[in-house]
Every structure is written in C-alpha cells, then in structure tokens.
Amino acid sequence: MRTNDRLSDLRILVVDDDRDTREMLRFILEQDAAQVIAASSVAEALERYKSSRPDVIVADIAMPEYNGYALIAQIRAHDKELGRSTPAIALTAYTSPADEATALAAGFQKYLSKPFEPAKIIEAIRSTLA
C-alpha cells in the first residue's frame, strides 16, 4: 500500500457504456491522484487494456454488444498468457446475491452495486491491491 494511502500513479481502466458514469468515476479517481483510462465498450476496453496495462479494472456488467463477463473472460485469458492477474471490480446495477456470486465466479475480485458511493470505490480499489 502506498504510504500516503492515495491512488497515486495507479492506472485504472474504467469501462462503462454510460458516459455520465464514466465521467463521474474519472473525476472521483483523479481526485485521488489515479491515472484513468476510460472505455465505453468491451472492444475499446480490450484495446486500452492491451496498450496501457492498467493496475486495476473497474467495469460495468450490462453493456451493449458484449457484457462485463465477456470482458473479464478475455482479460483473464490474456493475463494467463502474461502470467499476471489484473485486479478487477464489477460495478453494476444488478444487485442480487446471485448476481454478486456470478460476477465473482467470472473473475472479478470485488462487486459493487450502483448507485455507488465514491469512498466505496476507492476502498474497493485499495483492497484489491492489498
């Protein structure tokens, strides 16, 4: 954990098809000194993931075309080739215990429901890196 307990210099890939949510997450994370890489789709997220090698991923589950489960499956396959495991947080409007279990089984380390509190996002990111 960083000594100043901020997200300084972390590269965080934020994936959400909703522009307002992406921008809110960008604002919250940049206020805590993180470097945010934003994507609005799974295809864009995969490109950004491969080019930027983020430290953490925060991804929506329900997106058009491909969902967050498709994203995490492809990231985990790529991580396996590289011998690493990028921490990932599911951020979703799906709120049932079954939805949480599905997200965790798919390869996300944390599950947060929308609407979210900024402090919970920061806390979840820190805990995935601890």
N, C-alpha and C. Protein backbone atom coordinates (compact mmCIF):
# COMPACT_ATOMS: atom_id res chain seq x y z
N MET A 1 0.85 -1.19 0.00
CA MET A 1 0.00 0.00 0.00
C MET A 1 0.88 1.23 0.00
N ARG A 2 0.51 2.21 -0.74
CA ARG A 2 1.27 3.45 -0.80
C ARG A 2 1.22 4.15 0.55
N THR A 3 2.32 4.80 0.89
CA THR A 3 2.40 5.41 2.21
C THR A 3 1.41 6.55 2.40
N ASN A 4 1.07 7.26 1.33
CA ASN A 4 0.13 8.36 1.50
C ASN A 4 -1.32 7.90 1.37
N ASP A 5 -1.53 6.61 1.13
CA ASP A 5 -2.85 5.99 1.08
C ASP A 5 -3.73 6.55 -0.03
N ARG A 6 -3.13 7.16 -1.03
CA ARG A 6 -3.88 7.64 -2.19
C ARG A 6 -3.64 6.68 -3.35
N LEU A 7 -4.34 6.89 -4.42
CA LEU A 7 -4.20 6.03 -5.60
C LEU A 7 -3.15 6.56 -6.56
N SER A 8 -2.22 7.34 -6.04
CA SER A 8 -1.19 7.99 -6.86
C SER A 8 -0.55 7.02 -7.84
N ASP A 9 -0.52 7.46 -9.09
CA ASP A 9 0.17 6.75 -10.17
C ASP A 9 -0.43 5.41 -10.57
N LEU A 10 -1.56 5.03 -9.98
CA LEU A 10 -2.22 3.82 -10.44
C LEU A 10 -2.90 4.09 -11.77
N ARG A 11 -2.78 3.15 -12.69
CA ARG A 11 -3.51 3.23 -13.96
C ARG A 11 -4.78 2.40 -13.79
N ILE A 12 -5.92 3.07 -13.87
CA ILE A 12 -7.20 2.39 -13.66
C ILE A 12 -8.03 2.45 -14.93
N LEU A 13 -8.37 1.29 -15.45
CA LEU A 13 -9.23 1.20 -16.63
C LEU A 13 -10.68 1.19 -16.17
N VAL A 14 -11.43 2.20 -16.58
CA VAL A 14 -12.85 2.34 -16.25
C VAL A 14 -13.65 2.01 -17.50
N VAL A 15 -14.55 1.02 -17.39
CA VAL A 15 -15.33 0.57 -18.54
C VAL A 15 -16.82 0.67 -18.21
N ASP A 16 -17.51 1.54 -18.91
CA ASP A 16 -18.96 1.69 -18.73
C ASP A 16 -19.52 2.35 -19.98
N ASP A 17 -20.63 1.83 -20.48
CA ASP A 17 -21.23 2.42 -21.68
C ASP A 17 -21.94 3.74 -21.38
N ASP A 18 -22.20 4.02 -20.12
CA ASP A 18 -22.86 5.26 -19.73
C ASP A 18 -21.81 6.36 -19.52
N ARG A 19 -21.89 7.38 -20.36
CA ARG A 19 -20.89 8.47 -20.32
C ARG A 19 -20.85 9.15 -18.96
N ASP A 20 -22.01 9.43 -18.37
CA ASP A 20 -22.05 10.11 -17.08
C ASP A 20 -21.34 9.30 -15.99
N THR A 21 -21.56 7.99 -16.00
CA THR A 21 -20.90 7.13 -15.01
C THR A 21 -19.39 7.13 -15.22
N ARG A 22 -18.96 7.02 -16.48
CA ARG A 22 -17.51 7.06 -16.77
C ARG A 22 -16.89 8.36 -16.28
N GLU A 23 -17.55 9.47 -16.58
CA GLU A 23 -17.00 10.77 -16.19
C GLU A 23 -17.01 10.96 -14.68
N MET A 24 -18.03 10.45 -14.01
CA MET A 24 -18.07 10.55 -12.55
C MET A 24 -16.94 9.73 -11.94
N LEU A 25 -16.74 8.52 -12.45
CA LEU A 25 -15.64 7.69 -11.96
C LEU A 25 -14.30 8.35 -12.25
N ARG A 26 -14.15 8.91 -13.44
CA ARG A 26 -12.90 9.61 -13.76
C ARG A 26 -12.64 10.71 -12.74
N PHE A 27 -13.65 11.52 -12.47
CA PHE A 27 -13.49 12.63 -11.53
C PHE A 27 -13.10 12.12 -10.14
N ILE A 28 -13.81 11.12 -9.65
CA ILE A 28 -13.54 10.57 -8.31
C ILE A 28 -12.11 10.04 -8.22
N LEU A 29 -11.71 9.25 -9.21
CA LEU A 29 -10.40 8.61 -9.17
C LEU A 29 -9.26 9.60 -9.39
N GLU A 30 -9.47 10.55 -10.28
CA GLU A 30 -8.42 11.56 -10.49
C GLU A 30 -8.27 12.46 -9.27
N GLN A 31 -9.34 12.68 -8.52
CA GLN A 31 -9.24 13.45 -7.28
C GLN A 31 -8.34 12.73 -6.28
N ASP A 32 -8.23 11.42 -6.41
CA ASP A 32 -7.37 10.63 -5.54
C ASP A 32 -6.04 10.31 -6.22
N ALA A 33 -5.72 11.07 -7.28
CA ALA A 33 -4.42 11.02 -7.97
C ALA A 33 -4.20 9.81 -8.86
N ALA A 34 -5.25 9.10 -9.24
CA ALA A 34 -5.11 7.97 -10.16
C ALA A 34 -5.06 8.47 -11.60
N GLN A 35 -4.46 7.65 -12.46
CA GLN A 35 -4.49 7.90 -13.91
C GLN A 35 -5.62 7.05 -14.48
N VAL A 36 -6.62 7.68 -15.06
CA VAL A 36 -7.80 6.96 -15.55
C VAL A 36 -7.72 6.77 -17.06
N ILE A 37 -7.97 5.54 -17.47
CA ILE A 37 -8.10 5.19 -18.87
C ILE A 37 -9.56 4.77 -19.03
N ALA A 38 -10.33 5.47 -19.83
CA ALA A 38 -11.76 5.20 -19.94
C ALA A 38 -12.10 4.51 -21.25
N ALA A 39 -13.10 3.62 -21.19
CA ALA A 39 -13.60 2.93 -22.38
C ALA A 39 -15.11 2.80 -22.28
N SER A 40 -15.78 2.88 -23.43
CA SER A 40 -17.24 2.83 -23.43
C SER A 40 -17.80 1.49 -23.91
N SER A 41 -16.92 0.57 -24.30
CA SER A 41 -17.36 -0.74 -24.78
C SER A 41 -16.31 -1.79 -24.45
N VAL A 42 -16.71 -3.05 -24.58
CA VAL A 42 -15.77 -4.13 -24.33
C VAL A 42 -14.63 -4.09 -25.36
N ALA A 43 -14.96 -3.87 -26.62
CA ALA A 43 -13.91 -3.82 -27.66
C ALA A 43 -12.90 -2.72 -27.37
N GLU A 44 -13.40 -1.54 -27.02
CA GLU A 44 -12.50 -0.43 -26.69
C GLU A 44 -11.69 -0.74 -25.44
N ALA A 45 -12.33 -1.36 -24.45
CA ALA A 45 -11.65 -1.71 -23.21
C ALA A 45 -10.50 -2.68 -23.46
N LEU A 46 -10.72 -3.66 -24.32
CA LEU A 46 -9.66 -4.62 -24.62
C LEU A 46 -8.47 -3.96 -25.30
N GLU A 47 -8.75 -3.04 -26.21
CA GLU A 47 -7.66 -2.28 -26.85
C GLU A 47 -6.88 -1.48 -25.81
N ARG A 48 -7.60 -0.79 -24.96
CA ARG A 48 -6.95 0.05 -23.94
C ARG A 48 -6.21 -0.81 -22.92
N TYR A 49 -6.78 -1.95 -22.58
CA TYR A 49 -6.13 -2.87 -21.64
C TYR A 49 -4.78 -3.32 -22.20
N LYS A 50 -4.77 -3.72 -23.45
CA LYS A 50 -3.53 -4.22 -24.05
C LYS A 50 -2.49 -3.12 -24.25
N SER A 51 -2.94 -1.91 -24.53
CA SER A 51 -1.98 -0.83 -24.78
C SER A 51 -1.51 -0.12 -23.51
N SER A 52 -2.30 -0.16 -22.45
CA SER A 52 -1.93 0.61 -21.25
C SER A 52 -1.54 -0.23 -20.05
N ARG A 53 -1.84 -1.52 -20.07
CA ARG A 53 -1.54 -2.42 -18.94
C ARG A 53 -1.96 -1.80 -17.61
N PRO A 54 -3.26 -1.64 -17.38
CA PRO A 54 -3.74 -1.00 -16.16
C PRO A 54 -3.41 -1.82 -14.91
N ASP A 55 -3.38 -1.13 -13.79
CA ASP A 55 -3.16 -1.79 -12.50
C ASP A 55 -4.45 -2.38 -11.95
N VAL A 56 -5.58 -1.77 -12.30
CA VAL A 56 -6.89 -2.19 -11.81
C VAL A 56 -7.92 -1.90 -12.90
N ILE A 57 -8.97 -2.72 -12.94
CA ILE A 57 -10.08 -2.51 -13.87
C ILE A 57 -11.36 -2.33 -13.06
N VAL A 58 -12.15 -1.32 -13.41
CA VAL A 58 -13.49 -1.13 -12.84
C VAL A 58 -14.44 -1.19 -14.02
N ALA A 59 -15.31 -2.22 -14.06
CA ALA A 59 -16.14 -2.43 -15.25
C ALA A 59 -17.60 -2.67 -14.91
N ASP A 60 -18.44 -2.09 -15.74
CA ASP A 60 -19.87 -2.34 -15.70
C ASP A 60 -20.11 -3.76 -16.21
N ILE A 61 -21.23 -4.35 -15.82
CA ILE A 61 -21.60 -5.67 -16.33
C ILE A 61 -22.50 -5.54 -17.55
N ALA A 62 -23.57 -4.75 -17.44
CA ALA A 62 -24.55 -4.64 -18.53
C ALA A 62 -24.12 -3.57 -19.53
N MET A 63 -23.62 -4.04 -20.66
CA MET A 63 -23.23 -3.13 -21.75
C MET A 63 -23.75 -3.72 -23.05
N PRO A 64 -24.00 -2.87 -24.05
CA PRO A 64 -24.48 -3.39 -25.33
C PRO A 64 -23.40 -4.23 -26.02
N GLU A 65 -23.82 -5.07 -26.90
CA GLU A 65 -22.96 -5.92 -27.70
C GLU A 65 -22.33 -7.03 -26.86
N TYR A 66 -21.35 -6.70 -26.05
CA TYR A 66 -20.72 -7.66 -25.15
C TYR A 66 -20.80 -7.11 -23.74
N ASN A 67 -20.92 -8.00 -22.76
CA ASN A 67 -21.07 -7.53 -21.38
C ASN A 67 -19.76 -7.64 -20.60
N GLY A 68 -19.82 -7.25 -19.34
CA GLY A 68 -18.64 -7.29 -18.48
C GLY A 68 -18.09 -8.68 -18.26
N TYR A 69 -18.95 -9.70 -18.35
CA TYR A 69 -18.48 -11.08 -18.21
C TYR A 69 -17.61 -11.47 -19.40
N ALA A 70 -18.00 -11.04 -20.59
CA ALA A 70 -17.18 -11.30 -21.78
C ALA A 70 -15.84 -10.58 -21.66
N LEU A 71 -15.88 -9.36 -21.13
CA LEU A 71 -14.65 -8.59 -20.93
C LEU A 71 -13.71 -9.30 -19.98
N ILE A 72 -14.21 -9.69 -18.81
CA ILE A 72 -13.32 -10.29 -17.82
C ILE A 72 -12.79 -11.65 -18.31
N ALA A 73 -13.58 -12.39 -19.07
CA ALA A 73 -13.11 -13.67 -19.61
C ALA A 73 -11.92 -13.44 -20.55
N GLN A 74 -12.02 -12.43 -21.40
CA GLN A 74 -10.92 -12.15 -22.33
C GLN A 74 -9.70 -11.59 -21.61
N ILE A 75 -9.93 -10.78 -20.60
CA ILE A 75 -8.81 -10.24 -19.83
C ILE A 75 -8.11 -11.36 -19.07
N ARG A 76 -8.87 -12.25 -18.46
CA ARG A 76 -8.25 -13.36 -17.72
C ARG A 76 -7.45 -14.26 -18.66
N ALA A 77 -7.95 -14.49 -19.87
CA ALA A 77 -7.20 -15.30 -20.84
C ALA A 77 -5.89 -14.60 -21.22
N HIS A 78 -5.96 -13.31 -21.43
CA HIS A 78 -4.76 -12.54 -21.78
C HIS A 78 -3.79 -12.50 -20.59
N ASP A 79 -4.33 -12.28 -19.39
CA ASP A 79 -3.49 -12.28 -18.18
C ASP A 79 -2.75 -13.60 -18.02
N LYS A 80 -3.46 -14.70 -18.30
CA LYS A 80 -2.84 -16.03 -18.16
C LYS A 80 -1.63 -16.16 -19.07
N GLU A 81 -1.75 -15.66 -20.30
CA GLU A 81 -0.62 -15.68 -21.24
C GLU A 81 0.56 -14.87 -20.71
N LEU A 82 0.26 -13.77 -20.00
CA LEU A 82 1.30 -12.89 -19.48
C LEU A 82 1.78 -13.29 -18.09
N GLY A 83 1.12 -14.27 -17.47
CA GLY A 83 1.50 -14.69 -16.14
C GLY A 83 1.17 -13.67 -15.07
N ARG A 84 0.05 -12.99 -15.23
CA ARG A 84 -0.36 -11.99 -14.25
C ARG A 84 -1.86 -12.08 -14.03
N SER A 85 -2.37 -11.35 -13.06
CA SER A 85 -3.81 -11.28 -12.81
C SER A 85 -4.16 -9.85 -12.42
N THR A 86 -4.76 -9.13 -13.33
CA THR A 86 -5.12 -7.74 -13.08
C THR A 86 -6.36 -7.68 -12.19
N PRO A 87 -6.28 -7.02 -11.04
CA PRO A 87 -7.46 -6.91 -10.18
C PRO A 87 -8.61 -6.23 -10.92
N ALA A 88 -9.82 -6.75 -10.72
CA ALA A 88 -10.99 -6.21 -11.42
C ALA A 88 -12.18 -6.10 -10.47
N ILE A 89 -12.90 -5.00 -10.62
CA ILE A 89 -14.08 -4.71 -9.80
C ILE A 89 -15.28 -4.58 -10.71
N ALA A 90 -16.33 -5.34 -10.40
CA ALA A 90 -17.60 -5.23 -11.14
C ALA A 90 -18.41 -4.12 -10.49
N LEU A 91 -18.88 -3.20 -11.30
CA LEU A 91 -19.72 -2.10 -10.83
C LEU A 91 -21.01 -2.17 -11.63
N THR A 92 -22.11 -2.54 -10.97
CA THR A 92 -23.31 -2.88 -11.73
C THR A 92 -24.61 -2.52 -11.04
N ALA A 93 -25.65 -2.40 -11.83
CA ALA A 93 -26.99 -2.17 -11.29
C ALA A 93 -27.63 -3.49 -10.86
N TYR A 94 -27.03 -4.61 -11.24
CA TYR A 94 -27.54 -5.91 -10.79
C TYR A 94 -27.17 -6.07 -9.33
N THR A 95 -28.16 -6.30 -8.47
CA THR A 95 -27.88 -6.22 -7.04
C THR A 95 -28.21 -7.48 -6.23
N SER A 96 -28.61 -8.55 -6.85
CA SER A 96 -28.97 -9.73 -6.07
C SER A 96 -27.72 -10.50 -5.63
N PRO A 97 -27.84 -11.30 -4.57
CA PRO A 97 -26.71 -12.14 -4.16
C PRO A 97 -26.25 -13.07 -5.28
N ALA A 98 -27.17 -13.55 -6.10
CA ALA A 98 -26.80 -14.41 -7.22
C ALA A 98 -25.96 -13.65 -8.24
N ASP A 99 -26.31 -12.38 -8.47
CA ASP A 99 -25.52 -11.55 -9.39
C ASP A 99 -24.11 -11.36 -8.87
N GLU A 100 -23.99 -11.13 -7.58
CA GLU A 100 -22.66 -10.97 -6.98
C GLU A 100 -21.85 -12.25 -7.13
N ALA A 101 -22.47 -13.39 -6.84
CA ALA A 101 -21.78 -14.67 -6.95
C ALA A 101 -21.33 -14.93 -8.39
N THR A 102 -22.18 -14.57 -9.35
CA THR A 102 -21.83 -14.75 -10.76
C THR A 102 -20.63 -13.89 -11.14
N ALA A 103 -20.63 -12.64 -10.69
CA ALA A 103 -19.52 -11.73 -11.00
C ALA A 103 -18.21 -12.24 -10.41
N LEU A 104 -18.25 -12.68 -9.17
CA LEU A 104 -17.04 -13.17 -8.52
C LEU A 104 -16.55 -14.46 -9.18
N ALA A 105 -17.48 -15.34 -9.53
CA ALA A 105 -17.11 -16.59 -10.21
C ALA A 105 -16.53 -16.32 -11.60
N ALA A 106 -16.97 -15.25 -12.23
CA ALA A 106 -16.49 -14.91 -13.58
C ALA A 106 -15.05 -14.40 -13.57
N GLY A 107 -14.57 -13.93 -12.41
CA GLY A 107 -13.19 -13.47 -12.34
C GLY A 107 -12.99 -12.09 -11.77
N PHE A 108 -14.07 -11.44 -11.35
CA PHE A 108 -13.93 -10.15 -10.66
C PHE A 108 -13.56 -10.43 -9.20
N GLN A 109 -12.71 -9.58 -8.61
CA GLN A 109 -12.35 -9.73 -7.21
C GLN A 109 -13.34 -9.04 -6.27
N LYS A 110 -13.97 -8.01 -6.76
CA LYS A 110 -14.92 -7.23 -5.94
C LYS A 110 -16.17 -6.96 -6.76
N TYR A 111 -17.26 -6.72 -6.04
CA TYR A 111 -18.55 -6.45 -6.66
C TYR A 111 -19.18 -5.27 -5.93
N LEU A 112 -19.50 -4.22 -6.67
CA LEU A 112 -20.16 -3.04 -6.09
C LEU A 112 -21.40 -2.74 -6.90
N SER A 113 -22.47 -2.37 -6.20
CA SER A 113 -23.70 -2.06 -6.91
C SER A 113 -23.86 -0.56 -7.11
N LYS A 114 -24.58 -0.21 -8.17
CA LYS A 114 -24.93 1.18 -8.46
C LYS A 114 -26.28 1.46 -7.80
N PRO A 115 -26.53 2.65 -7.36
CA PRO A 115 -25.59 3.76 -7.33
C PRO A 115 -24.49 3.50 -6.30
N PHE A 116 -23.35 4.11 -6.50
CA PHE A 116 -22.20 3.83 -5.65
C PHE A 116 -21.77 5.08 -4.89
N GLU A 117 -21.09 4.84 -3.80
CA GLU A 117 -20.51 5.93 -3.01
C GLU A 117 -19.03 6.04 -3.40
N PRO A 118 -18.54 7.25 -3.63
CA PRO A 118 -17.14 7.42 -4.01
C PRO A 118 -16.16 6.72 -3.07
N ALA A 119 -16.39 6.82 -1.78
CA ALA A 119 -15.47 6.19 -0.82
C ALA A 119 -15.43 4.67 -0.99
N LYS A 120 -16.54 4.07 -1.38
CA LYS A 120 -16.58 2.61 -1.56
C LYS A 120 -15.76 2.19 -2.78
N ILE A 121 -15.76 3.01 -3.81
CA ILE A 121 -14.94 2.71 -5.00
C ILE A 121 -13.46 2.75 -4.63
N ILE A 122 -13.06 3.80 -3.95
CA ILE A 122 -11.66 3.95 -3.53
C ILE A 122 -11.26 2.79 -2.62
N GLU A 123 -12.11 2.47 -1.66
CA GLU A 123 -11.84 1.38 -0.73
C GLU A 123 -11.71 0.04 -1.47
N ALA A 124 -12.59 -0.21 -2.42
CA ALA A 124 -12.54 -1.46 -3.18
C ALA A 124 -11.25 -1.57 -3.98
N ILE A 125 -10.84 -0.48 -4.60
CA ILE A 125 -9.58 -0.48 -5.37
C ILE A 125 -8.41 -0.77 -4.44
N ARG A 126 -8.35 -0.08 -3.33
CA ARG A 126 -7.25 -0.31 -2.38
C ARG A 126 -7.22 -1.76 -1.91
N SER A 127 -8.39 -2.32 -1.61
CA SER A 127 -8.41 -3.68 -1.07
C SER A 127 -8.01 -4.72 -2.12
N THR A 128 -8.25 -4.45 -3.40
CA THR A 128 -7.82 -5.42 -4.42
C THR A 128 -6.31 -5.42 -4.58
N LEU A 129 -5.66 -4.34 -4.15
CA LEU A 129 -4.21 -4.23 -4.28
C LEU A 129 -3.46 -4.61 -3.01
N ALA A 130 -4.19 -4.80 -1.93
CA ALA A 130 -3.54 -5.09 -0.64
C ALA A 130 -2.94 -6.48 -0.60
